[in-house]
Amino acid sequence: MQIEVFRQSAIKLQGKITIYFDPFKIDKDYHDADYIFITHDHYDHYDIESIQKVMQDKTTLVVPKVLATDAQNITSNVIIVEPNQEYRTDDFVFSTRPTYNLEKRFHPKEKGYVGYIIELDKQKYYIMGDTDALEENLNLDVDYCFIPIGGTYTMDVEEAVEYINKLKPKVAIPIHYGSIVGSITLGEEFKKLINQNIDVRIYIKEEEK
């Protein structure tokens, strides 16, 4: 599976099918998405211009309930999801995890924002979305975890490190830093603190001026 992280939380998984998560500030017209998953309705995760750059006629758009009307105005190929549910497509099975802040006001639990666990080629990929480190998201069996580390709106480096060292995925990939919030150096700080038996991969690079 080829993995690309563009910036913020914009992720592309490409194998037999092509899947995007929260495309944001996409520079090229790819038009290659089989699926686009959106975690929530903030502008740096639900970016209509970027969605249109990766969409093609057959693309399925997966969104939380809060974005149901918006998504249906873009395409009729929509799957509307809620936290703590499992869904099946023609290509894979995926489930949703709750995503919210514990003490901050940016991502209220009642909004029904989601993270996604998707199984591809016998590997489970967990895209957390914008969230704090939640106890209910610890007892999970995942191979890859894309975790926000920028602080302010999500968990910070220290909280993310503690979470990953408890979750114990095979691979941890830090996201949601180096752009809107959080220095580009946070990825390397995160990597230094993670248990050595966990592979940390850094994809986000410093943006060109």
C-alpha atoms as a PDB file:
ATOM      1  CA  MET A   1       0.000   0.000   0.000  1.00  0.00           C
ATOM      2  CA  GLN A   2       1.428   3.365  -1.005  1.00  0.00           C
ATOM      3  CA  ILE A   3       0.909   6.068   1.636  1.00  0.00           C
ATOM      4  CA  GLU A   4       1.057   9.817   1.098  1.00  0.00           C
ATOM      5  CA  VAL A   5       0.347  12.612   3.574  1.00  0.00           C
ATOM      6  CA  PHE A   6      -0.046  15.954   1.814  1.00  0.00           C
ATOM      7  CA  ARG A   7      -0.459  18.387   4.722  1.00  0.00           C
ATOM      8  CA  GLN A   8      -2.508  18.686   7.882  1.00  0.00           C
ATOM      9  CA  SER A   9      -4.569  15.454   7.904  1.00  0.00           C
ATOM     10  CA  ALA A  10      -4.841  14.882   4.151  1.00  0.00           C
ATOM     11  CA  ILE A  11      -3.948  11.237   3.521  1.00  0.00           C
ATOM     12  CA  LYS A  12      -3.885   9.101   0.390  1.00  0.00           C
ATOM     13  CA  LEU A  13      -3.785   5.294   0.446  1.00  0.00           C
ATOM     14  CA  GLN A  14      -3.186   3.774  -2.966  1.00  0.00           C
ATOM     15  CA  GLY A  15      -3.165   0.109  -3.899  1.00  0.00           C
ATOM     16  CA  LYS A  16      -5.757  -1.747  -5.931  1.00  0.00           C
ATOM     17  CA  ILE A  17      -8.049   1.143  -5.036  1.00  0.00           C
ATOM     18  CA  THR A  18      -7.337   4.774  -4.140  1.00  0.00           C
ATOM     19  CA  ILE A  19      -8.664   6.272  -0.923  1.00  0.00           C
ATOM     20  CA  TYR A  20      -8.347   9.806   0.425  1.00  0.00           C
ATOM     21  CA  PHE A  21      -8.981  11.011   3.954  1.00  0.00           C
ATOM     22  CA  ASP A  22      -9.715  14.697   4.615  1.00  0.00           C
ATOM     23  CA  PRO A  23      -8.151  16.051   1.390  1.00  0.00           C
ATOM     24  CA  PHE A  24      -6.972  19.615   2.035  1.00  0.00           C
ATOM     25  CA  LYS A  25      -5.172  22.123  -0.181  1.00  0.00           C
ATOM     26  CA  ILE A  26      -4.623  19.528  -2.898  1.00  0.00           C
ATOM     27  CA  ASP A  27      -2.511  21.182  -5.596  1.00  0.00           C
ATOM     28  CA  LYS A  28      -3.113  18.820  -8.535  1.00  0.00           C
ATOM     29  CA  ASP A  29      -6.170  17.543 -10.359  1.00  0.00           C
ATOM     30  CA  TYR A  30      -5.864  13.844  -9.542  1.00  0.00           C
ATOM     31  CA  HIS A  31      -9.447  12.671 -10.180  1.00  0.00           C
ATOM     32  CA  ASP A  32      -8.441   9.178  -9.058  1.00  0.00           C
ATOM     33  CA  ALA A  33     -10.380   8.635  -5.811  1.00  0.00           C
ATOM     34  CA  ASP A  34     -12.445   5.506  -5.432  1.00  0.00           C
ATOM     35  CA  TYR A  35     -13.397   6.650  -1.928  1.00  0.00           C
ATOM     36  CA  ILE A  36     -13.081   9.884   0.030  1.00  0.00           C
ATOM     37  CA  PHE A  37     -13.495   9.741   3.814  1.00  0.00           C
ATOM     38  CA  ILE A  38     -14.215  12.913   5.793  1.00  0.00           C
ATOM     39  CA  THR A  39     -13.807  12.943   9.582  1.00  0.00           C
ATOM     40  CA  HIS A  40     -15.627  16.210  10.342  1.00  0.00           C
ATOM     41  CA  ASP A  41     -16.848  19.534   8.997  1.00  0.00           C
ATOM     42  CA  HIS A  42     -13.956  21.915   9.768  1.00  0.00           C
ATOM     43  CA  TYR A  43     -12.458  23.694   6.756  1.00  0.00           C
ATOM     44  CA  ASP A  44      -9.111  21.901   6.984  1.00  0.00           C
ATOM     45  CA  HIS A  45     -10.831  18.514   6.786  1.00  0.00           C
ATOM     46  CA  TYR A  46     -13.878  19.212   4.637  1.00  0.00           C
ATOM     47  CA  ASP A  47     -12.333  21.190   1.758  1.00  0.00           C
ATOM     48  CA  ILE A  48     -14.747  21.137  -1.175  1.00  0.00           C
ATOM     49  CA  GLU A  49     -12.183  22.418  -3.684  1.00  0.00           C
ATOM     50  CA  SER A  50      -9.785  19.610  -2.792  1.00  0.00           C
ATOM     51  CA  ILE A  51     -12.581  17.040  -2.853  1.00  0.00           C
ATOM     52  CA  GLN A  52     -13.418  18.104  -6.383  1.00  0.00           C
ATOM     53  CA  LYS A  53      -9.762  17.769  -7.421  1.00  0.00           C
ATOM     54  CA  VAL A  54      -9.593  14.118  -6.388  1.00  0.00           C
ATOM     55  CA  MET A  55     -13.152  13.016  -7.237  1.00  0.00           C
ATOM     56  CA  GLN A  56     -14.161  11.105 -10.328  1.00  0.00           C
ATOM     57  CA  ASP A  57     -17.606   9.926 -11.489  1.00  0.00           C
ATOM     58  CA  LYS A  58     -17.495   6.674  -9.523  1.00  0.00           C
ATOM     59  CA  THR A  59     -16.135   8.129  -6.256  1.00  0.00           C
ATOM     60  CA  THR A  60     -17.954   7.243  -3.035  1.00  0.00           C
ATOM     61  CA  LEU A  61     -17.953   9.997  -0.402  1.00  0.00           C
ATOM     62  CA  VAL A  62     -18.061   8.871   3.245  1.00  0.00           C
ATOM     63  CA  VAL A  63     -19.079  11.508   5.789  1.00  0.00           C
ATOM     64  CA  PRO A  64     -20.422  11.845   9.354  1.00  0.00           C
ATOM     65  CA  LYS A  65     -24.083  12.706   9.754  1.00  0.00           C
ATOM     66  CA  VAL A  66     -23.338  16.401  10.322  1.00  0.00           C
ATOM     67  CA  LEU A  67     -22.226  16.608   6.659  1.00  0.00           C
ATOM     68  CA  ALA A  68     -25.025  14.538   5.118  1.00  0.00           C
ATOM     69  CA  THR A  69     -26.765  17.378   3.266  1.00  0.00           C
ATOM     70  CA  ASP A  70     -23.525  18.963   2.085  1.00  0.00           C
ATOM     71  CA  ALA A  71     -22.212  15.666   0.737  1.00  0.00           C
ATOM     72  CA  GLN A  72     -25.437  14.840  -1.080  1.00  0.00           C
ATOM     73  CA  ASN A  73     -25.143  18.176  -2.887  1.00  0.00           C
ATOM     74  CA  ILE A  74     -21.791  17.003  -4.271  1.00  0.00           C
ATOM     75  CA  THR A  75     -22.613  13.435  -5.287  1.00  0.00           C
ATOM     76  CA  SER A  76     -25.304  10.802  -4.965  1.00  0.00           C
ATOM     77  CA  ASN A  77     -22.641   8.231  -4.008  1.00  0.00           C
ATOM     78  CA  VAL A  78     -22.631   8.944  -0.285  1.00  0.00           C
ATOM     79  CA  ILE A  79     -22.268   6.785   2.825  1.00  0.00           C
ATOM     80  CA  ILE A  80     -23.388   8.581   5.989  1.00  0.00           C
ATOM     81  CA  VAL A  81     -21.813   7.287   9.185  1.00  0.00           C
ATOM     82  CA  GLU A  82     -22.020   7.557  12.954  1.00  0.00           C
ATOM     83  CA  PRO A  83     -19.460   6.668  15.662  1.00  0.00           C
ATOM     84  CA  ASN A  84     -19.036   3.072  16.854  1.00  0.00           C
ATOM     85  CA  GLN A  85     -20.508   1.419  13.779  1.00  0.00           C
ATOM     86  CA  GLU A  86     -19.257  -1.029  11.140  1.00  0.00           C
ATOM     87  CA  TYR A  87     -19.900  -0.615   7.423  1.00  0.00           C
ATOM     88  CA  ARG A  88     -19.264  -2.774   4.369  1.00  0.00           C
ATOM     89  CA  THR A  89     -18.521  -1.634   0.819  1.00  0.00           C
ATOM     90  CA  ASP A  90     -17.858  -3.696  -2.310  1.00  0.00           C
ATOM     91  CA  ASP A  91     -14.127  -3.331  -1.640  1.00  0.00           C
ATOM     92  CA  PHE A  92     -13.554  -3.450   2.141  1.00  0.00           C
ATOM     93  CA  VAL A  93     -15.018  -3.304   5.621  1.00  0.00           C
ATOM     94  CA  PHE A  94     -14.531  -0.224   7.786  1.00  0.00           C
ATOM     95  CA  SER A  95     -15.615   0.928  11.211  1.00  0.00           C
ATOM     96  CA  THR A  96     -15.939   4.298  12.907  1.00  0.00           C
ATOM     97  CA  ARG A  97     -14.498   5.494  16.182  1.00  0.00           C
ATOM     98  CA  PRO A  98     -15.630   8.458  18.325  1.00  0.00           C
ATOM     99  CA  THR A  99     -13.546  11.588  17.907  1.00  0.00           C
ATOM    100  CA  TYR A 100     -13.824  14.514  20.323  1.00  0.00           C
ATOM    101  CA  ASN A 101     -12.111  16.799  22.828  1.00  0.00           C
ATOM    102  CA  LEU A 102     -12.279  16.127  26.547  1.00  0.00           C
ATOM    103  CA  GLU A 103     -11.810  19.652  27.885  1.00  0.00           C
ATOM    104  CA  LYS A 104     -11.467  21.804  24.767  1.00  0.00           C
ATOM    105  CA  ARG A 105     -14.482  23.144  22.886  1.00  0.00           C
ATOM    106  CA  PHE A 106     -13.349  22.582  19.301  1.00  0.00           C
ATOM    107  CA  HIS A 107     -14.683  19.061  18.726  1.00  0.00           C
ATOM    108  CA  PRO A 108     -17.714  18.394  20.947  1.00  0.00           C
ATOM    109  CA  LYS A 109     -18.744  14.767  21.416  1.00  0.00           C
ATOM    110  CA  GLU A 110     -22.345  15.533  20.488  1.00  0.00           C
ATOM    111  CA  LYS A 111     -21.312  16.508  16.955  1.00  0.00           C
ATOM    112  CA  GLY A 112     -20.733  12.858  16.098  1.00  0.00           C
ATOM    113  CA  TYR A 113     -17.343  13.368  14.458  1.00  0.00           C
ATOM    114  CA  VAL A 114     -15.518  10.163  13.556  1.00  0.00           C
ATOM    115  CA  GLY A 115     -12.213   8.450  13.030  1.00  0.00           C
ATOM    116  CA  TYR A 116     -11.983   5.475  10.676  1.00  0.00           C
ATOM    117  CA  ILE A 117     -10.502   1.987  10.851  1.00  0.00           C
ATOM    118  CA  ILE A 118     -10.290   0.465   7.401  1.00  0.00           C
ATOM    119  CA  GLU A 119      -8.989  -2.994   6.524  1.00  0.00           C
ATOM    120  CA  LEU A 120      -7.010  -3.265   3.282  1.00  0.00           C
ATOM    121  CA  ASP A 121      -4.807  -6.199   2.237  1.00  0.00           C
ATOM    122  CA  LYS A 122      -5.121  -7.705   5.727  1.00  0.00           C
ATOM    123  CA  GLN A 123      -3.802  -4.525   7.360  1.00  0.00           C
ATOM    124  CA  LYS A 124      -5.909  -2.243   9.557  1.00  0.00           C
ATOM    125  CA  TYR A 125      -5.410   1.507   9.099  1.00  0.00           C
ATOM    126  CA  TYR A 126      -6.698   3.808  11.836  1.00  0.00           C
ATOM    127  CA  ILE A 127      -7.168   7.436  10.818  1.00  0.00           C
ATOM    128  CA  MET A 128      -7.975   9.150  14.095  1.00  0.00           C
ATOM    129  CA  GLY A 129      -9.270  12.550  12.962  1.00  0.00           C
ATOM    130  CA  ASP A 130      -9.129  15.514  15.344  1.00  0.00           C
ATOM    131  CA  THR A 131      -9.314  14.078  18.819  1.00  0.00           C
ATOM    132  CA  ASP A 132      -7.858  13.877  22.276  1.00  0.00           C
ATOM    133  CA  ALA A 133      -6.465  10.600  23.630  1.00  0.00           C
ATOM    134  CA  LEU A 134      -9.657   8.749  24.551  1.00  0.00           C
ATOM    135  CA  GLU A 135      -9.761   5.675  26.773  1.00  0.00           C
ATOM    136  CA  GLU A 136     -12.499   4.197  24.602  1.00  0.00           C
ATOM    137  CA  ASN A 137     -10.092   4.242  21.635  1.00  0.00           C
ATOM    138  CA  LEU A 138      -7.288   2.355  23.359  1.00  0.00           C
ATOM    139  CA  ASN A 139      -8.398  -1.263  23.216  1.00  0.00           C
ATOM    140  CA  LEU A 140      -8.091  -1.527  19.432  1.00  0.00           C
ATOM    141  CA  ASP A 141      -6.262  -3.930  17.147  1.00  0.00           C
ATOM    142  CA  VAL A 142      -4.716  -1.799  14.390  1.00  0.00           C
ATOM    143  CA  ASP A 143      -1.555  -2.039  12.305  1.00  0.00           C
ATOM    144  CA  TYR A 144      -1.193   1.599  11.219  1.00  0.00           C
ATOM    145  CA  CYS A 145      -2.272   4.611  13.275  1.00  0.00           C
ATOM    146  CA  PHE A 146      -2.412   8.148  11.844  1.00  0.00           C
ATOM    147  CA  ILE A 147      -2.398  10.327  14.952  1.00  0.00           C
ATOM    148  CA  PRO A 148      -2.755  14.109  15.399  1.00  0.00           C
ATOM    149  CA  ILE A 149       0.085  15.642  17.422  1.00  0.00           C
ATOM    150  CA  GLY A 150      -0.132  19.418  16.877  1.00  0.00           C
ATOM    151  CA  GLY A 151      -1.860  20.372  20.114  1.00  0.00           C
ATOM    152  CA  THR A 152      -4.360  23.273  20.515  1.00  0.00           C
ATOM    153  CA  TYR A 153      -7.209  21.472  18.714  1.00  0.00           C
ATOM    154  CA  THR A 154      -6.058  17.892  19.348  1.00  0.00           C
ATOM    155  CA  MET A 155      -3.692  15.985  21.593  1.00  0.00           C
ATOM    156  CA  ASP A 156      -0.127  17.298  21.742  1.00  0.00           C
ATOM    157  CA  VAL A 157       3.122  15.354  21.278  1.00  0.00           C
ATOM    158  CA  GLU A 158       3.322  14.105  24.870  1.00  0.00           C
ATOM    159  CA  GLU A 159      -0.293  12.937  24.885  1.00  0.00           C
ATOM    160  CA  ALA A 160       0.100  11.305  21.473  1.00  0.00           C
ATOM    161  CA  VAL A 161       3.260   9.482  22.567  1.00  0.00           C
ATOM    162  CA  GLU A 162       1.560   8.115  25.670  1.00  0.00           C
ATOM    163  CA  TYR A 163      -1.420   6.965  23.592  1.00  0.00           C
ATOM    164  CA  ILE A 164       0.654   5.238  20.889  1.00  0.00           C
ATOM    165  CA  ASN A 165       2.894   3.498  23.412  1.00  0.00           C
ATOM    166  CA  LYS A 166      -0.254   2.022  24.973  1.00  0.00           C
ATOM    167  CA  LEU A 167      -2.039   1.207  21.694  1.00  0.00           C
ATOM    168  CA  LYS A 168       1.069  -0.486  20.224  1.00  0.00           C
ATOM    169  CA  PRO A 169       0.355  -0.374  16.492  1.00  0.00           C
ATOM    170  CA  LYS A 170       3.013  -1.695  14.130  1.00  0.00           C
ATOM    171  CA  VAL A 171       3.347   1.738  12.521  1.00  0.00           C
ATOM    172  CA  ALA A 172       2.574   5.236  13.853  1.00  0.00           C
ATOM    173  CA  ILE A 173       2.261   8.177  11.460  1.00  0.00           C
ATOM    174  CA  PRO A 174       1.957  11.673  12.992  1.00  0.00           C
ATOM    175  CA  ILE A 175      -0.384  14.157  11.296  1.00  0.00           C
ATOM    176  CA  HIS A 176      -2.098  17.507  11.968  1.00  0.00           C
ATOM    177  CA  TYR A 177       1.029  19.593  12.504  1.00  0.00           C
ATOM    178  CA  GLY A 178       3.465  21.699  10.495  1.00  0.00           C
ATOM    179  CA  SER A 179       0.785  23.783   8.788  1.00  0.00           C
ATOM    180  CA  ILE A 180      -2.044  25.475  10.662  1.00  0.00           C
ATOM    181  CA  VAL A 181      -0.762  24.603  14.126  1.00  0.00           C
ATOM    182  CA  GLY A 182       2.320  22.869  15.477  1.00  0.00           C
ATOM    183  CA  SER A 183       5.934  23.233  14.339  1.00  0.00           C
ATOM    184  CA  ILE A 184       7.231  21.035  11.524  1.00  0.00           C
ATOM    185  CA  THR A 185       9.760  19.687  14.064  1.00  0.00           C
ATOM    186  CA  LEU A 186       7.048  17.962  16.110  1.00  0.00           C
ATOM    187  CA  GLY A 187       7.176  14.836  13.965  1.00  0.00           C
ATOM    188  CA  GLU A 188      10.773  14.140  14.876  1.00  0.00           C
ATOM    189  CA  GLU A 189      10.090  14.952  18.550  1.00  0.00           C
ATOM    190  CA  PHE A 190       7.274  12.393  18.501  1.00  0.00           C
ATOM    191  CA  LYS A 191       9.484   9.785  16.836  1.00  0.00           C
ATOM    192  CA  LYS A 192      12.229  10.086  19.456  1.00  0.00           C
ATOM    193  CA  LEU A 193       9.805   9.314  22.300  1.00  0.00           C
ATOM    194  CA  ILE A 194       7.988   6.324  20.820  1.00  0.00           C
ATOM    195  CA  ASN A 195       8.872   2.798  21.937  1.00  0.00           C
ATOM    196  CA  GLN A 196      11.534   1.363  19.657  1.00  0.00           C
ATOM    197  CA  ASN A 197       9.430  -1.637  18.615  1.00  0.00           C
ATOM    198  CA  ILE A 198       6.943   0.735  16.947  1.00  0.00           C
ATOM    199  CA  ASP A 199       7.870   1.979  13.479  1.00  0.00           C
ATOM    200  CA  VAL A 200       7.330   5.759  13.205  1.00  0.00           C
ATOM    201  CA  ARG A 201       7.118   7.162   9.681  1.00  0.00           C
ATOM    202  CA  ILE A 202       7.329  10.881   8.963  1.00  0.00           C
ATOM    203  CA  TYR A 203       5.536  12.017   5.784  1.00  0.00           C
ATOM    204  CA  ILE A 204       4.775  15.682   6.411  1.00  0.00           C
ATOM    205  CA  LYS A 205       7.512  17.943   5.044  1.00  0.00           C
ATOM    206  CA  GLU A 206       8.108  21.645   5.504  1.00  0.00           C
ATOM    207  CA  GLU A 207       5.900  23.626   3.151  1.00  0.00           C
ATOM    208  CA  GLU A 208       7.568  25.594   0.384  1.00  0.00           C
ATOM    209  CA  LYS A 209       7.412  29.348   0.865  1.00  0.00           C
END
